Amino acid sequence: MTVTASRDEGCMLAAWLVGTEHLSAEHSGEICIFEIDAEMIGETTISRSGIKAHHDSRLVTDLAEVAVPLDAAEPHT
């Protein structure tokens, strides 16, 4: 996947693998590949990555902030 983050205030670039809620809201957890808020973009970009439990009692939300040595406002793969 090649993406380019926006520096526009309030924007977020993200990719998630989401659960499916067609059987139950408890299946709503997601794997957050990355989330990058506009204000976190610079020569080094801060990205969040991890698990979001939402309503899935089998999961625990566990996100880490990771410093990525690139300017996410430029195309990157």
N, C-alpha and C. Protein backbone atom coordinates (compact mmCIF):
# COMPACT_ATOMS: atom_id res chain seq x y z
N MET A 1 0.85 -1.15 0.00
CA MET A 1 0.00 0.00 0.00
C MET A 1 0.91 1.23 0.00
N THR A 2 0.63 2.19 -0.85
CA THR A 2 1.34 3.45 -0.86
C THR A 2 0.37 4.53 -0.42
N VAL A 3 0.76 5.32 0.58
CA VAL A 3 -0.13 6.34 1.16
C VAL A 3 0.62 7.65 1.33
N THR A 4 -0.16 8.72 1.44
CA THR A 4 0.36 10.05 1.71
C THR A 4 -0.57 10.70 2.74
N ALA A 5 -0.01 11.10 3.87
CA ALA A 5 -0.81 11.72 4.92
C ALA A 5 -1.03 13.20 4.62
N SER A 6 -2.14 13.72 5.10
CA SER A 6 -2.46 15.14 4.95
C SER A 6 -2.00 15.90 6.19
N ARG A 7 -1.47 17.10 5.97
CA ARG A 7 -1.11 17.98 7.08
C ARG A 7 -2.28 18.88 7.48
N ASP A 8 -3.43 18.73 6.82
CA ASP A 8 -4.60 19.55 7.13
C ASP A 8 -5.08 19.27 8.56
N GLU A 9 -5.36 20.33 9.29
CA GLU A 9 -5.79 20.22 10.68
C GLU A 9 -6.97 19.26 10.81
N GLY A 10 -6.88 18.37 11.79
CA GLY A 10 -7.96 17.42 12.06
C GLY A 10 -7.94 16.16 11.21
N CYS A 11 -7.02 16.06 10.25
CA CYS A 11 -6.98 14.87 9.39
C CYS A 11 -6.20 13.73 10.04
N MET A 12 -6.58 12.52 9.70
CA MET A 12 -5.88 11.32 10.14
C MET A 12 -5.78 10.37 8.95
N LEU A 13 -4.61 9.80 8.77
CA LEU A 13 -4.42 8.72 7.79
C LEU A 13 -4.34 7.44 8.60
N ALA A 14 -5.09 6.42 8.20
CA ALA A 14 -5.10 5.19 8.99
C ALA A 14 -5.41 3.99 8.11
N ALA A 15 -4.96 2.84 8.59
CA ALA A 15 -5.32 1.55 7.98
C ALA A 15 -5.61 0.59 9.12
N TRP A 16 -6.77 -0.03 9.07
CA TRP A 16 -7.19 -0.96 10.11
C TRP A 16 -7.69 -2.25 9.47
N LEU A 17 -7.50 -3.34 10.17
CA LEU A 17 -8.17 -4.60 9.86
C LEU A 17 -9.27 -4.70 10.90
N VAL A 18 -10.51 -4.58 10.46
CA VAL A 18 -11.63 -4.48 11.39
C VAL A 18 -12.34 -5.82 11.56
N GLY A 19 -12.97 -5.95 12.73
CA GLY A 19 -13.79 -7.12 12.98
C GLY A 19 -15.06 -7.05 12.17
N THR A 20 -15.86 -8.06 12.33
CA THR A 20 -17.15 -8.09 11.63
C THR A 20 -18.23 -8.18 12.69
N GLU A 21 -19.19 -7.29 12.62
CA GLU A 21 -20.23 -7.22 13.63
C GLU A 21 -21.54 -7.84 13.18
N HIS A 22 -21.52 -8.60 12.09
CA HIS A 22 -22.79 -9.14 11.59
C HIS A 22 -23.38 -10.19 12.53
N LEU A 23 -22.57 -10.82 13.38
CA LEU A 23 -23.08 -11.79 14.35
C LEU A 23 -23.30 -11.15 15.71
N SER A 24 -22.40 -10.22 16.08
CA SER A 24 -22.47 -9.61 17.40
C SER A 24 -21.56 -8.38 17.46
N ALA A 25 -21.97 -7.40 18.25
CA ALA A 25 -21.13 -6.21 18.47
C ALA A 25 -19.82 -6.58 19.16
N GLU A 26 -19.79 -7.74 19.81
CA GLU A 26 -18.56 -8.20 20.47
C GLU A 26 -17.47 -8.56 19.47
N HIS A 27 -17.79 -8.62 18.20
CA HIS A 27 -16.80 -8.94 17.17
C HIS A 27 -16.28 -7.68 16.49
N SER A 28 -16.22 -6.58 17.25
CA SER A 28 -15.90 -5.28 16.65
C SER A 28 -14.46 -4.83 16.85
N GLY A 29 -13.61 -5.67 17.45
CA GLY A 29 -12.22 -5.28 17.66
C GLY A 29 -11.50 -5.06 16.34
N GLU A 30 -10.37 -4.35 16.42
CA GLU A 30 -9.62 -4.10 15.18
C GLU A 30 -8.12 -4.14 15.44
N ILE A 31 -7.40 -4.48 14.38
CA ILE A 31 -5.95 -4.38 14.37
C ILE A 31 -5.63 -3.07 13.67
N CYS A 32 -4.99 -2.18 14.39
CA CYS A 32 -4.63 -0.88 13.84
C CYS A 32 -3.21 -1.01 13.25
N ILE A 33 -3.13 -1.06 11.93
CA ILE A 33 -1.82 -1.13 11.28
C ILE A 33 -1.08 0.17 11.53
N PHE A 34 -1.78 1.30 11.28
CA PHE A 34 -1.22 2.61 11.62
C PHE A 34 -2.31 3.65 11.66
N GLU A 35 -2.10 4.66 12.50
CA GLU A 35 -2.89 5.88 12.53
C GLU A 35 -1.90 7.03 12.63
N ILE A 36 -2.03 8.00 11.76
CA ILE A 36 -1.13 9.16 11.77
C ILE A 36 -1.98 10.43 11.76
N ASP A 37 -1.95 11.17 12.86
CA ASP A 37 -2.64 12.46 12.93
C ASP A 37 -1.79 13.52 12.26
N ALA A 38 -2.44 14.50 11.64
CA ALA A 38 -1.74 15.55 10.89
C ALA A 38 -0.67 16.24 11.73
N GLU A 39 -0.98 16.51 13.00
CA GLU A 39 -0.01 17.24 13.83
C GLU A 39 1.20 16.40 14.24
N MET A 40 1.20 15.12 13.91
CA MET A 40 2.31 14.22 14.26
C MET A 40 3.27 14.01 13.09
N ILE A 41 3.04 14.72 11.99
CA ILE A 41 3.87 14.57 10.79
C ILE A 41 5.04 15.54 10.85
N GLY A 42 6.21 15.03 10.54
CA GLY A 42 7.42 15.85 10.46
C GLY A 42 8.50 15.05 9.76
N GLU A 43 9.76 15.46 9.91
CA GLU A 43 10.84 14.66 9.34
C GLU A 43 10.81 13.26 9.91
N THR A 44 10.43 13.16 11.18
CA THR A 44 10.09 11.88 11.81
C THR A 44 8.61 11.98 12.15
N THR A 45 7.84 10.97 11.82
CA THR A 45 6.40 10.95 12.04
C THR A 45 6.09 10.01 13.20
N ILE A 46 5.15 10.41 14.04
CA ILE A 46 4.69 9.55 15.13
C ILE A 46 3.41 8.86 14.68
N SER A 47 3.41 7.54 14.74
CA SER A 47 2.27 6.73 14.32
C SER A 47 1.82 5.85 15.49
N ARG A 48 0.52 5.63 15.59
CA ARG A 48 0.00 4.67 16.57
C ARG A 48 -0.23 3.34 15.87
N SER A 49 0.00 2.26 16.59
CA SER A 49 -0.18 0.92 16.03
C SER A 49 -0.54 -0.03 17.16
N GLY A 50 -1.41 -1.00 16.87
CA GLY A 50 -1.75 -1.99 17.90
C GLY A 50 -3.15 -2.53 17.76
N ILE A 51 -3.76 -2.85 18.90
CA ILE A 51 -5.08 -3.48 18.98
C ILE A 51 -6.06 -2.52 19.63
N LYS A 52 -7.27 -2.42 19.05
CA LYS A 52 -8.36 -1.67 19.67
C LYS A 52 -9.49 -2.66 19.97
N ALA A 53 -9.85 -2.77 21.23
CA ALA A 53 -10.85 -3.74 21.64
C ALA A 53 -12.27 -3.33 21.23
N HIS A 54 -12.58 -2.04 21.27
CA HIS A 54 -13.94 -1.54 21.07
C HIS A 54 -14.89 -2.31 21.98
N HIS A 55 -15.81 -3.09 21.46
CA HIS A 55 -16.78 -3.82 22.30
C HIS A 55 -16.44 -5.30 22.43
N ASP A 56 -15.25 -5.70 22.01
CA ASP A 56 -14.85 -7.11 22.03
C ASP A 56 -14.17 -7.44 23.36
N SER A 57 -14.89 -8.12 24.23
CA SER A 57 -14.38 -8.42 25.58
C SER A 57 -13.22 -9.42 25.55
N ARG A 58 -12.97 -10.05 24.42
CA ARG A 58 -11.85 -10.99 24.31
C ARG A 58 -10.53 -10.27 24.08
N LEU A 59 -10.60 -8.96 23.78
CA LEU A 59 -9.40 -8.18 23.46
C LEU A 59 -9.15 -7.11 24.52
N VAL A 60 -7.93 -6.63 24.56
CA VAL A 60 -7.54 -5.49 25.40
C VAL A 60 -6.93 -4.45 24.48
N THR A 61 -7.38 -3.20 24.59
CA THR A 61 -6.79 -2.14 23.77
C THR A 61 -5.33 -1.97 24.16
N ASP A 62 -4.47 -2.03 23.18
CA ASP A 62 -3.02 -1.94 23.41
C ASP A 62 -2.40 -1.24 22.20
N LEU A 63 -2.25 0.08 22.30
CA LEU A 63 -1.68 0.87 21.21
C LEU A 63 -0.33 1.43 21.64
N ALA A 64 0.59 1.48 20.72
CA ALA A 64 1.90 2.08 20.97
C ALA A 64 2.11 3.21 19.99
N GLU A 65 2.81 4.25 20.45
CA GLU A 65 3.24 5.31 19.55
C GLU A 65 4.63 4.96 19.07
N VAL A 66 4.80 4.99 17.76
CA VAL A 66 6.06 4.57 17.13
C VAL A 66 6.61 5.74 16.31
N ALA A 67 7.88 6.06 16.51
CA ALA A 67 8.53 7.09 15.70
C ALA A 67 9.01 6.44 14.41
N VAL A 68 8.54 6.96 13.29
CA VAL A 68 8.88 6.43 11.97
C VAL A 68 9.77 7.46 11.26
N PRO A 69 10.95 7.08 10.82
CA PRO A 69 11.89 8.05 10.26
C PRO A 69 11.56 8.47 8.83
N LEU A 70 10.38 9.07 8.66
CA LEU A 70 9.99 9.59 7.35
C LEU A 70 8.96 10.67 7.52
N ASP A 71 8.82 11.49 6.51
CA ASP A 71 7.79 12.52 6.47
C ASP A 71 6.57 11.88 5.81
N ALA A 72 5.55 11.59 6.62
CA ALA A 72 4.37 10.87 6.11
C ALA A 72 3.55 11.70 5.14
N ALA A 73 3.86 13.00 5.00
CA ALA A 73 3.16 13.83 4.03
C ALA A 73 3.69 13.59 2.61
N GLU A 74 4.75 12.82 2.50
CA GLU A 74 5.29 12.40 1.21
C GLU A 74 4.82 10.97 0.94
N PRO A 75 4.62 10.58 -0.31
CA PRO A 75 4.20 9.19 -0.59
C PRO A 75 5.21 8.20 0.01
N HIS A 76 4.67 7.18 0.67
CA HIS A 76 5.53 6.13 1.22
C HIS A 76 4.78 4.80 1.14
N THR A 77 5.57 3.75 1.02
CA THR A 77 4.99 2.40 0.85
C THR A 77 5.33 1.55 2.07
